[in-house]
């Protein structure tokens, strides 16, 4: 074995019965138990009275988990398992609720497989949910892209179909499409949501969206507290998360910027893009809430290419993970109180 650059002659001097200081000493580690009778006290210190040296972390025990079903972006070409058909969307939502999901996030698709705000299709999915699980939270993604959809959006909210819906202070290329919400659109939508008792989610794709929300919705005094953010940074066109280090840096940056605006903000982090389940897991470690499912990613894990097969499988995986991390899924009515959402049945809180 090569000796390298270690000065073994000097090491061997210290191994002698009498060390270089002229002191007789065994060759051993130094150990003086100053805190007897404890060797290492995990809670306090002998030199302090009622000093807690390792206090419990300030992480909420309860976590909200939002289950998406299909979204507006991905097709069966992106993931052959996608529940595009209306009955499949309904059935997968009900399966997640049966497994214990406190919330489902609903999009519906037309016969060509594209996102639509058709009230009849929403009723087809949501009416059975309301009947079988009246206490659960239903989020509907009311993003009017087509002519006539603005009125359909208002009609769906007036009918009490949804408890919450995203507000997107966004202008970005999401994949190969331009996704932009002019200020007057997001402002008016926020006003309507609050008047109709639908809780707005601030949905951000990049850190510029955080500033847009602050400028147009918060500093104007329009958006009512508590603020409720949903983060989708890892989608194509969002903030790059090409590796674990970027994932950590980007999410911490988002969270810090949001907390600078309002420390009491509630934040939901999506298992989005290639970061997928690792991003949501990191969010759980930070004490944040999560959104999972087939809307925001096609992959089970960032480092493998296996695709999500069923939404309920994704939910059960995170349900187990939440328990392993010593947290628990919050009761939907408790979450309603937390974010100032109306009570079940469409009545304002």
Protein backbone atom coordinates (compact mmCIF):
# COMPACT_ATOMS: atom_id res chain seq x y z
CA UNK A 1 0.00 0.00 0.00
CA UNK A 2 1.33 3.42 -0.92
CA UNK A 3 2.21 5.64 2.04
CA UNK A 4 1.09 8.71 0.11
CA UNK A 5 1.80 12.00 1.87
CA UNK A 6 1.11 10.85 5.43
CA UNK A 7 4.10 11.46 7.74
CA UNK A 8 4.09 7.96 9.19
CA UNK A 9 7.28 8.59 11.19
CA UNK A 10 5.47 11.23 13.21
CA UNK A 11 2.40 9.01 13.63
CA UNK A 12 4.63 6.23 14.95
CA UNK A 13 6.26 8.63 17.43
CA UNK A 14 2.86 9.10 19.04
CA UNK A 15 2.34 5.34 19.19
CA UNK A 16 5.31 4.88 21.55
CA UNK A 17 4.76 4.31 25.29
CA UNK A 18 6.05 7.83 25.93
CA UNK A 19 4.71 10.36 23.44
CA UNK A 20 6.69 13.30 21.96
CA UNK A 21 5.53 15.45 24.89
CA UNK A 22 7.26 13.12 27.31
CA UNK A 23 3.96 11.83 28.70
CA UNK A 24 3.26 8.13 29.20
CA UNK A 25 0.05 7.47 27.35
CA UNK A 26 -1.81 4.67 25.63
CA UNK A 27 -2.55 5.01 21.96
CA UNK A 28 -6.29 5.73 22.05
CA UNK A 29 -9.01 8.31 21.51
CA UNK A 30 -9.67 11.03 24.07
CA UNK A 31 -12.91 10.74 26.00
CA UNK A 32 -14.00 12.76 29.03
CA UNK A 33 -17.70 12.37 29.96
CA UNK A 34 -18.37 15.86 31.33
CA UNK A 35 -22.13 15.27 31.37
CA UNK A 36 -22.33 12.20 33.60
CA UNK A 37 -24.49 10.28 34.26
CA UNK A 38 -25.52 10.94 30.63
CA UNK A 39 -22.96 10.28 27.93
CA UNK A 40 -24.90 12.22 25.27
CA UNK A 41 -28.11 13.87 26.44
CA UNK A 42 -30.40 14.11 23.36
CA UNK A 43 -32.62 16.73 24.99
CA UNK A 44 -30.60 19.03 27.27
CA UNK A 45 -27.11 19.85 28.53
CA UNK A 46 -25.50 19.50 31.98
CA UNK A 47 -24.32 23.10 31.68
CA UNK A 48 -27.78 24.61 31.23
CA UNK A 49 -31.05 24.52 33.15
CA UNK A 50 -34.13 23.79 31.01
CA UNK A 51 -32.09 24.29 27.87
CA UNK A 52 -33.57 22.29 24.95
CA UNK A 53 -30.69 21.55 22.61
CA UNK A 54 -32.65 19.65 19.93
CA UNK A 55 -36.21 21.00 19.85
CA UNK A 56 -38.78 19.37 17.56
CA UNK A 57 -38.87 20.82 14.06
CA UNK A 58 -41.64 23.26 13.25
CA UNK A 59 -43.35 21.06 10.64
CA UNK A 60 -47.15 20.72 10.68
CA UNK A 61 -48.33 17.21 11.39
CA UNK A 62 -51.22 17.54 8.96
CA UNK A 63 -50.74 17.82 5.22
CA UNK A 64 -53.24 18.56 2.45
CA UNK A 65 -52.98 16.36 -0.62
CA UNK A 66 -54.69 17.40 -3.84
CA UNK A 67 -55.28 14.62 -6.35
CA UNK A 68 -55.33 15.60 -10.01
CA UNK A 69 -56.92 13.25 -12.52
CA UNK A 70 -56.02 14.34 -16.04
CA UNK A 71 -55.38 18.07 -16.57
CA UNK A 72 -55.40 19.99 -19.85
CA UNK A 73 -51.92 19.33 -21.27
CA UNK A 74 -51.00 15.68 -21.76
CA UNK A 75 -52.55 13.31 -24.29
CA UNK A 76 -52.42 9.55 -24.60
CA UNK A 77 -49.37 10.06 -26.81
CA UNK A 78 -47.63 11.48 -23.74
CA UNK A 79 -48.97 8.75 -21.47
CA UNK A 80 -51.13 5.95 -22.94
CA UNK A 81 -52.69 5.48 -19.49
CA UNK A 82 -54.26 8.95 -19.40
CA UNK A 83 -57.99 8.94 -18.47
CA UNK A 84 -59.18 11.11 -21.36
CA UNK A 85 -62.71 9.70 -21.61
CA UNK A 86 -65.31 11.32 -19.35
CA UNK A 87 -66.32 8.07 -17.60
CA UNK A 88 -62.67 7.25 -16.94
CA UNK A 89 -62.12 10.69 -15.39
CA UNK A 90 -65.12 10.18 -13.11
CA UNK A 91 -64.16 6.63 -12.14
CA UNK A 92 -60.55 7.48 -11.36
CA UNK A 93 -61.64 10.45 -9.24
CA UNK A 94 -64.04 8.25 -7.27
CA UNK A 95 -61.32 5.61 -6.77
CA UNK A 96 -58.99 8.22 -5.26
CA UNK A 97 -61.73 9.51 -2.97
CA UNK A 98 -62.49 5.97 -1.85
CA UNK A 99 -58.80 5.57 -0.99
CA UNK A 100 -59.01 8.64 1.25
CA UNK A 101 -58.15 11.64 -0.91
CA UNK A 102 -59.54 14.83 0.70
CA UNK A 103 -59.59 16.64 -2.64
CA UNK A 104 -59.84 15.98 -6.37
CA UNK A 105 -58.80 18.46 -9.05
CA UNK A 106 -61.04 18.08 -12.09
CA UNK A 107 -60.60 18.84 -15.78
CA UNK A 108 -62.83 17.41 -18.47
CA UNK A 109 -62.01 16.66 -22.11
CA UNK A 110 -64.17 16.84 -25.23
CA UNK A 111 -64.60 14.04 -27.78
CA UNK A 112 -61.35 15.06 -29.48
CA UNK A 113 -59.49 14.80 -26.17
CA UNK A 114 -59.01 18.53 -25.60
CA UNK A 115 -59.73 20.51 -22.45
CA UNK A 116 -63.20 22.04 -22.30
CA UNK A 117 -65.35 24.00 -19.86
CA UNK A 118 -68.52 22.13 -20.78
CA UNK A 119 -70.84 22.33 -17.72
CA UNK A 120 -72.62 19.12 -18.70
CA UNK A 121 -69.37 17.17 -18.67
CA UNK A 122 -68.38 18.68 -15.33
CA UNK A 123 -71.73 17.64 -13.88
CA UNK A 124 -71.19 14.12 -15.22
CA UNK A 125 -67.99 13.86 -13.17
CA UNK A 126 -68.76 15.99 -10.13
CA UNK A 127 -72.39 15.16 -9.34
CA UNK A 128 -71.52 11.56 -8.34
CA UNK A 129 -68.63 12.91 -6.24
CA UNK A 130 -70.90 15.35 -4.39
CA UNK A 131 -73.47 12.63 -3.80
CA UNK A 132 -71.08 9.97 -2.50
CA UNK A 133 -68.48 12.20 -0.80
CA UNK A 134 -70.24 15.42 0.24
CA UNK A 135 -67.48 16.47 2.66
CA UNK A 136 -64.62 16.30 0.13
CA UNK A 137 -63.14 19.31 -1.64
CA UNK A 138 -63.59 19.64 -5.41
CA UNK A 139 -61.26 21.85 -7.40
CA UNK A 140 -62.20 22.70 -10.96
CA UNK A 141 -59.69 24.19 -13.35
CA UNK A 142 -61.68 27.07 -14.81
CA UNK A 143 -59.34 28.46 -17.47
CA UNK A 144 -61.40 29.99 -20.31
CA UNK A 145 -59.38 29.73 -23.52
CA UNK A 146 -62.15 29.52 -26.12
CA UNK A 147 -64.89 31.95 -27.12
CA UNK A 148 -67.92 31.62 -24.84
CA UNK A 149 -66.03 29.84 -22.06
CA UNK A 150 -65.97 32.85 -19.75
CA UNK A 151 -69.73 32.63 -19.26
CA UNK A 152 -69.50 28.85 -18.86
CA UNK A 153 -66.87 29.38 -16.14
CA UNK A 154 -69.17 31.74 -14.25
CA UNK A 155 -72.12 29.37 -14.66
CA UNK A 156 -70.18 26.43 -13.23
CA UNK A 157 -69.18 28.47 -10.19
CA UNK A 158 -72.71 29.81 -9.69
CA UNK A 159 -73.99 26.23 -9.63
CA UNK A 160 -71.59 25.39 -6.80
CA UNK A 161 -69.67 22.77 -8.78
CA UNK A 162 -66.30 23.81 -7.33
CA UNK A 163 -64.87 24.78 -3.95
CA UNK A 164 -61.69 26.24 -5.39
CA UNK A 165 -60.08 27.09 -8.73
CA UNK A 166 -56.67 28.33 -9.90
CA UNK A 167 -55.85 31.91 -10.83
CA UNK A 168 -52.84 31.94 -13.17
CA UNK A 169 -50.73 35.13 -13.07
CA UNK A 170 -48.78 33.61 -15.92
CA UNK A 171 -47.22 34.46 -19.26
CA UNK A 172 -45.00 31.63 -20.48
CA UNK A 173 -44.41 29.01 -23.12
CA UNK A 174 -45.69 25.85 -21.45
CA UNK A 175 -44.25 23.20 -23.67
CA UNK A 176 -44.89 24.46 -27.20
CA UNK A 177 -47.94 26.56 -26.37
CA UNK A 178 -48.20 30.14 -25.21
CA UNK A 179 -50.03 30.35 -21.89
CA UNK A 180 -50.80 33.92 -20.89
CA UNK A 181 -53.36 35.52 -18.59
CA UNK A 182 -53.66 39.29 -19.07
CA UNK A 183 -53.83 41.29 -15.82
CA UNK A 184 -57.46 42.33 -16.33
CA UNK A 185 -58.46 38.67 -16.86
CA UNK A 186 -56.82 37.38 -13.67
CA UNK A 187 -58.12 40.36 -11.68
CA UNK A 188 -61.72 39.97 -12.83
CA UNK A 189 -61.63 36.19 -12.34
CA UNK A 190 -60.37 36.68 -8.78
CA UNK A 191 -63.19 39.11 -8.04
CA UNK A 192 -65.83 36.72 -9.40
CA UNK A 193 -64.43 33.73 -7.51
CA UNK A 194 -64.50 35.55 -4.20
CA UNK A 195 -68.00 36.92 -4.77
CA UNK A 196 -69.27 33.41 -5.54
CA UNK A 197 -67.46 31.78 -2.62
CA UNK A 198 -64.90 29.87 -4.68
CA UNK A 199 -61.43 29.97 -3.11
CA UNK A 200 -58.76 31.24 -5.56
CA UNK A 201 -55.49 29.33 -5.81
CA UNK A 202 -52.54 31.40 -7.02
CA UNK A 203 -51.00 29.01 -9.58
CA UNK A 204 -47.39 29.92 -10.44
CA UNK A 205 -45.04 28.39 -13.03
CA UNK A 206 -42.04 30.69 -12.59
CA UNK A 207 -40.79 33.22 -10.05
CA UNK A 208 -42.07 36.04 -12.27
CA UNK A 209 -45.58 34.73 -11.68
CA UNK A 210 -45.05 35.27 -7.94
CA UNK A 211 -44.31 38.91 -8.61
CA UNK A 212 -47.31 39.20 -10.95
CA UNK A 213 -49.61 37.85 -8.24
CA UNK A 214 -48.12 40.24 -5.72
CA UNK A 215 -48.51 43.27 -8.02
CA UNK A 216 -51.96 42.60 -9.42
CA UNK A 217 -53.80 40.62 -6.74
CA UNK A 218 -52.17 41.21 -3.35
CA UNK A 219 -50.81 44.76 -3.30
CA UNK A 220 -54.07 45.98 -4.85
CA UNK A 221 -55.94 44.55 -1.85
CA UNK A 222 -58.16 42.40 -4.09
CA UNK A 223 -57.17 38.93 -2.91
CA UNK A 224 -58.50 37.98 0.50
CA UNK A 225 -56.35 36.25 3.10
CA UNK A 226 -55.32 33.58 3.75
CA UNK A 227 -53.32 33.41 0.51
CA UNK A 228 -53.27 29.98 -1.08
CA UNK A 229 -50.48 29.23 -3.57
CA UNK A 230 -49.95 26.25 -5.86
CA UNK A 231 -46.48 25.80 -7.36
CA UNK A 232 -45.85 24.09 -10.73
CA UNK A 233 -42.21 24.99 -11.40
CA UNK A 234 -40.99 21.85 -13.18
CA UNK A 235 -43.25 21.94 -16.24
CA UNK A 236 -41.54 22.67 -19.59
CA UNK A 237 -41.23 26.44 -19.77
CA UNK A 238 -41.26 26.84 -16.00
CA UNK A 239 -38.16 27.07 -13.81
CA UNK A 240 -35.63 24.42 -14.89
CA UNK A 241 -35.30 21.36 -12.65
CA UNK A 242 -32.90 19.22 -14.64
CA UNK A 243 -31.29 17.56 -11.61
CA UNK A 244 -31.82 17.21 -7.84
CA UNK A 245 -29.66 20.24 -7.00
CA UNK A 246 -31.71 22.47 -9.30
CA UNK A 247 -34.91 21.07 -7.78
CA UNK A 248 -33.81 22.02 -4.27
CA UNK A 249 -32.55 25.47 -5.28
CA UNK A 250 -35.65 26.35 -7.30
CA UNK A 251 -38.22 25.21 -4.75
CA UNK A 252 -36.43 26.94 -1.88
CA UNK A 253 -36.31 30.12 -3.97
CA UNK A 254 -40.06 29.95 -4.62
CA UNK A 255 -40.94 29.30 -1.01
CA UNK A 256 -38.72 32.11 0.29
CA UNK A 257 -40.16 34.63 -2.18
CA UNK A 258 -43.73 33.67 -1.26
CA UNK A 259 -43.01 33.83 2.47
CA UNK A 260 -41.49 37.29 1.99
CA UNK A 261 -44.87 38.41 0.66
CA UNK A 262 -46.85 36.72 3.42
CA UNK A 263 -45.42 34.39 6.06
CA UNK A 264 -48.81 32.76 6.68
CA UNK A 265 -49.37 31.73 3.06
CA UNK A 266 -50.41 28.13 2.48
CA UNK A 267 -48.32 26.47 -0.26
CA UNK A 268 -49.14 23.39 -2.31
CA UNK A 269 -46.29 21.92 -4.40
CA UNK A 270 -47.10 19.84 -7.47
CA UNK A 271 -45.36 16.63 -8.46
CA UNK A 272 -44.73 18.23 -11.83
CA UNK A 273 -42.59 17.55 -14.87
CA UNK A 274 -39.57 15.26 -14.71
CA UNK A 275 -39.06 16.18 -11.03
CA UNK A 276 -42.38 14.41 -10.35
CA UNK A 277 -42.51 12.45 -7.09
CA UNK A 278 -39.17 13.74 -5.81
CA UNK A 279 -40.41 17.33 -5.91
CA UNK A 280 -43.51 16.45 -3.90
CA UNK A 281 -41.40 14.43 -1.45
CA UNK A 282 -39.10 17.40 -0.89
CA UNK A 283 -42.18 19.55 -0.28
CA UNK A 284 -43.33 17.11 2.41
CA UNK A 285 -39.92 17.35 4.08
CA UNK A 286 -40.32 21.15 4.16
CA UNK A 287 -43.73 20.86 5.83
CA UNK A 288 -45.66 21.99 2.75
CA UNK A 289 -48.79 20.59 1.11
CA UNK A 290 -48.68 18.61 -2.14
CA UNK A 291 -50.58 18.00 -5.37
CA UNK A 292 -50.06 14.70 -7.17
CA UNK A 293 -51.58 12.73 -10.02
CA UNK A 294 -51.57 12.58 -13.80
CA UNK A 295 -52.17 16.23 -14.62
CA UNK A 296 -48.71 17.57 -13.84
CA UNK A 297 -46.40 14.69 -14.79
CA UNK A 298 -46.37 11.43 -16.70
CA UNK A 299 -43.53 9.81 -14.74
CA UNK A 300 -43.54 7.96 -11.45
CA UNK A 301 -39.94 8.99 -10.66
CA UNK A 302 -37.45 11.49 -12.07
CA UNK A 303 -34.67 8.98 -12.76
CA UNK A 304 -36.80 6.30 -14.42
CA UNK A 305 -39.20 6.24 -17.36
CA UNK A 306 -42.05 4.21 -15.85
CA UNK A 307 -45.28 6.12 -16.30
CA UNK A 308 -48.16 6.54 -13.88
CA UNK A 309 -50.77 3.90 -14.69
CA UNK A 310 -53.62 4.95 -12.40
CA UNK A 311 -54.21 7.98 -10.26
CA UNK A 312 -55.15 5.89 -7.26
CA UNK A 313 -51.76 4.16 -7.41
CA UNK A 314 -50.05 7.55 -7.21
CA UNK A 315 -52.28 8.57 -4.32
CA UNK A 316 -51.64 5.39 -2.34
CA UNK A 317 -47.89 5.78 -2.81
CA UNK A 318 -47.96 9.25 -1.29
CA UNK A 319 -50.43 8.26 1.40
CA UNK A 320 -47.91 5.69 2.59
CA UNK A 321 -45.04 8.16 2.29
CA UNK A 322 -46.90 10.74 4.37
CA UNK A 323 -47.38 8.16 7.11
CA UNK A 324 -43.73 7.09 6.95
CA UNK A 325 -42.69 10.72 7.43
CA UNK A 326 -44.82 11.00 10.56
CA UNK A 327 -47.43 13.26 9.02
CA UNK A 328 -51.11 12.65 8.32
CA UNK A 329 -53.61 13.71 5.66
CA UNK A 330 -55.72 16.58 6.91
CA UNK A 331 -59.48 16.30 7.21
CA UNK A 332 -61.06 18.29 4.35
CA UNK A 333 -63.15 20.37 6.74
CA UNK A 334 -60.03 21.29 8.72
CA UNK A 335 -58.39 22.43 5.51
CA UNK A 336 -61.45 24.50 4.65
CA UNK A 337 -60.99 26.40 7.91
CA UNK A 338 -57.26 26.77 7.28
CA UNK A 339 -57.66 28.50 3.91
CA UNK A 340 -60.98 30.27 4.48
CA UNK A 341 -63.03 28.10 2.14
CA UNK A 342 -66.81 27.76 2.17
CA UNK A 343 -68.42 24.83 3.94
CA UNK A 344 -69.71 21.75 2.07
CA UNK A 345 -72.95 22.25 0.21
CA UNK A 346 -72.00 25.56 -1.33
CA UNK A 347 -72.64 27.71 1.77
CA UNK A 348 -70.14 30.40 2.55
CA UNK A 349 -67.99 29.85 5.63
